[in-house]
Amino acid sequence: MRNSIVITAAGALEWNGQTVTQPQLRHLLTVSTQLPEVPELHLRPDAAAPYRVVDEVLVLTKRANVQKLSFVGNEAYARF
């Protein structure tokens, strides 16, 4: 089981394909960490996503005590 957060180039947040606000994301993260089987969380920031938003999402995951966090899509940035 897994959940996905996408951060778009415009800084919008998507939770499993649905656009959400930061307060909604905070709630979803808290609920997901309290499930009997805690899902893995995949974080996929767009290459042009604002660093500030990525940082804010990482803070939210830390505060929600997310234990299974993976960055996905990094292979797209293998060459600079």
Protein backbone atom coordinates (compact mmCIF):
# COMPACT_ATOMS: atom_id res chain seq x y z
CA MET A 1 0.00 0.00 0.00
CA ARG A 2 1.28 3.47 -0.85
CA ASN A 3 0.28 7.08 -1.19
CA SER A 4 1.70 9.63 -3.58
CA ILE A 5 2.41 13.34 -3.26
CA VAL A 6 3.21 15.29 -6.41
CA ILE A 7 4.48 18.86 -6.22
CA THR A 8 3.89 20.62 -9.52
CA ALA A 9 6.07 23.27 -11.14
CA ALA A 10 3.50 25.84 -9.98
CA GLY A 11 3.81 24.60 -6.40
CA ALA A 12 0.43 22.85 -6.29
CA LEU A 13 0.10 19.68 -4.22
CA GLU A 14 -1.53 16.46 -5.37
CA TRP A 15 -2.38 13.54 -3.07
CA ASN A 16 -2.99 10.37 -5.08
CA GLY A 17 -3.93 12.47 -8.11
CA GLN A 18 -6.23 14.91 -6.30
CA THR A 19 -5.26 18.54 -5.74
CA VAL A 20 -5.07 19.36 -2.01
CA THR A 21 -4.09 22.29 0.18
CA GLN A 22 -1.33 22.11 2.79
CA PRO A 23 -3.85 21.83 5.67
CA GLN A 24 -5.59 18.98 3.84
CA LEU A 25 -2.24 17.30 3.22
CA ARG A 26 -1.35 17.63 6.91
CA HIS A 27 -4.59 15.87 7.82
CA LEU A 28 -4.11 13.11 5.22
CA LEU A 29 -0.57 12.45 6.43
CA THR A 30 -1.68 12.24 10.05
CA VAL A 31 -4.51 9.85 9.22
CA SER A 32 -2.29 7.64 7.05
CA THR A 33 0.34 7.25 9.79
CA GLN A 34 -2.34 5.97 12.18
CA LEU A 35 -3.54 3.14 9.93
CA PRO A 36 -2.89 -0.45 11.08
CA GLU A 37 -0.74 -0.97 7.97
CA VAL A 38 1.14 2.28 7.41
CA PRO A 39 1.45 2.98 3.67
CA GLU A 40 4.68 3.97 1.98
CA LEU A 41 4.72 7.59 0.84
CA HIS A 42 6.14 8.46 -2.58
CA LEU A 43 7.16 12.09 -3.05
CA ARG A 44 7.55 13.29 -6.62
CA PRO A 45 8.48 16.96 -6.94
CA ASP A 46 8.57 18.41 -10.45
CA ALA A 47 12.05 19.57 -11.48
CA ALA A 48 10.75 23.16 -11.49
CA ALA A 49 8.79 22.87 -8.22
CA PRO A 50 9.57 25.72 -5.81
CA TYR A 51 12.10 24.55 -3.24
CA ARG A 52 10.11 26.31 -0.51
CA VAL A 53 7.07 24.10 -1.20
CA VAL A 54 9.17 20.92 -1.25
CA ASP A 55 10.70 21.96 2.07
CA GLU A 56 7.26 22.68 3.56
CA VAL A 57 6.03 19.23 2.50
CA LEU A 58 9.08 17.60 4.07
CA VAL A 59 8.33 19.46 7.31
CA LEU A 60 4.73 18.19 7.18
CA THR A 61 5.93 14.60 6.73
CA LYS A 62 8.32 14.96 9.65
CA ARG A 63 5.64 16.40 11.93
CA ALA A 64 3.23 13.60 10.95
CA ASN A 65 5.96 11.08 11.83
CA VAL A 66 6.02 9.52 8.36
CA GLN A 67 8.41 6.57 8.55
CA LYS A 68 8.32 5.26 4.96
CA LEU A 69 9.18 8.12 2.60
CA SER A 70 10.67 7.67 -0.87
CA PHE A 71 11.57 10.20 -3.52
CA VAL A 72 10.49 8.87 -6.90
CA GLY A 73 11.32 10.06 -10.38
CA ASN A 74 14.87 11.09 -9.51
CA GLU A 75 16.20 9.19 -12.51
CA ALA A 76 14.76 11.98 -14.68
CA TYR A 77 17.39 14.29 -13.20
CA ALA A 78 20.40 12.00 -13.67
CA ARG A 79 21.96 14.46 -16.13
CA PHE A 80 22.34 18.15 -15.47
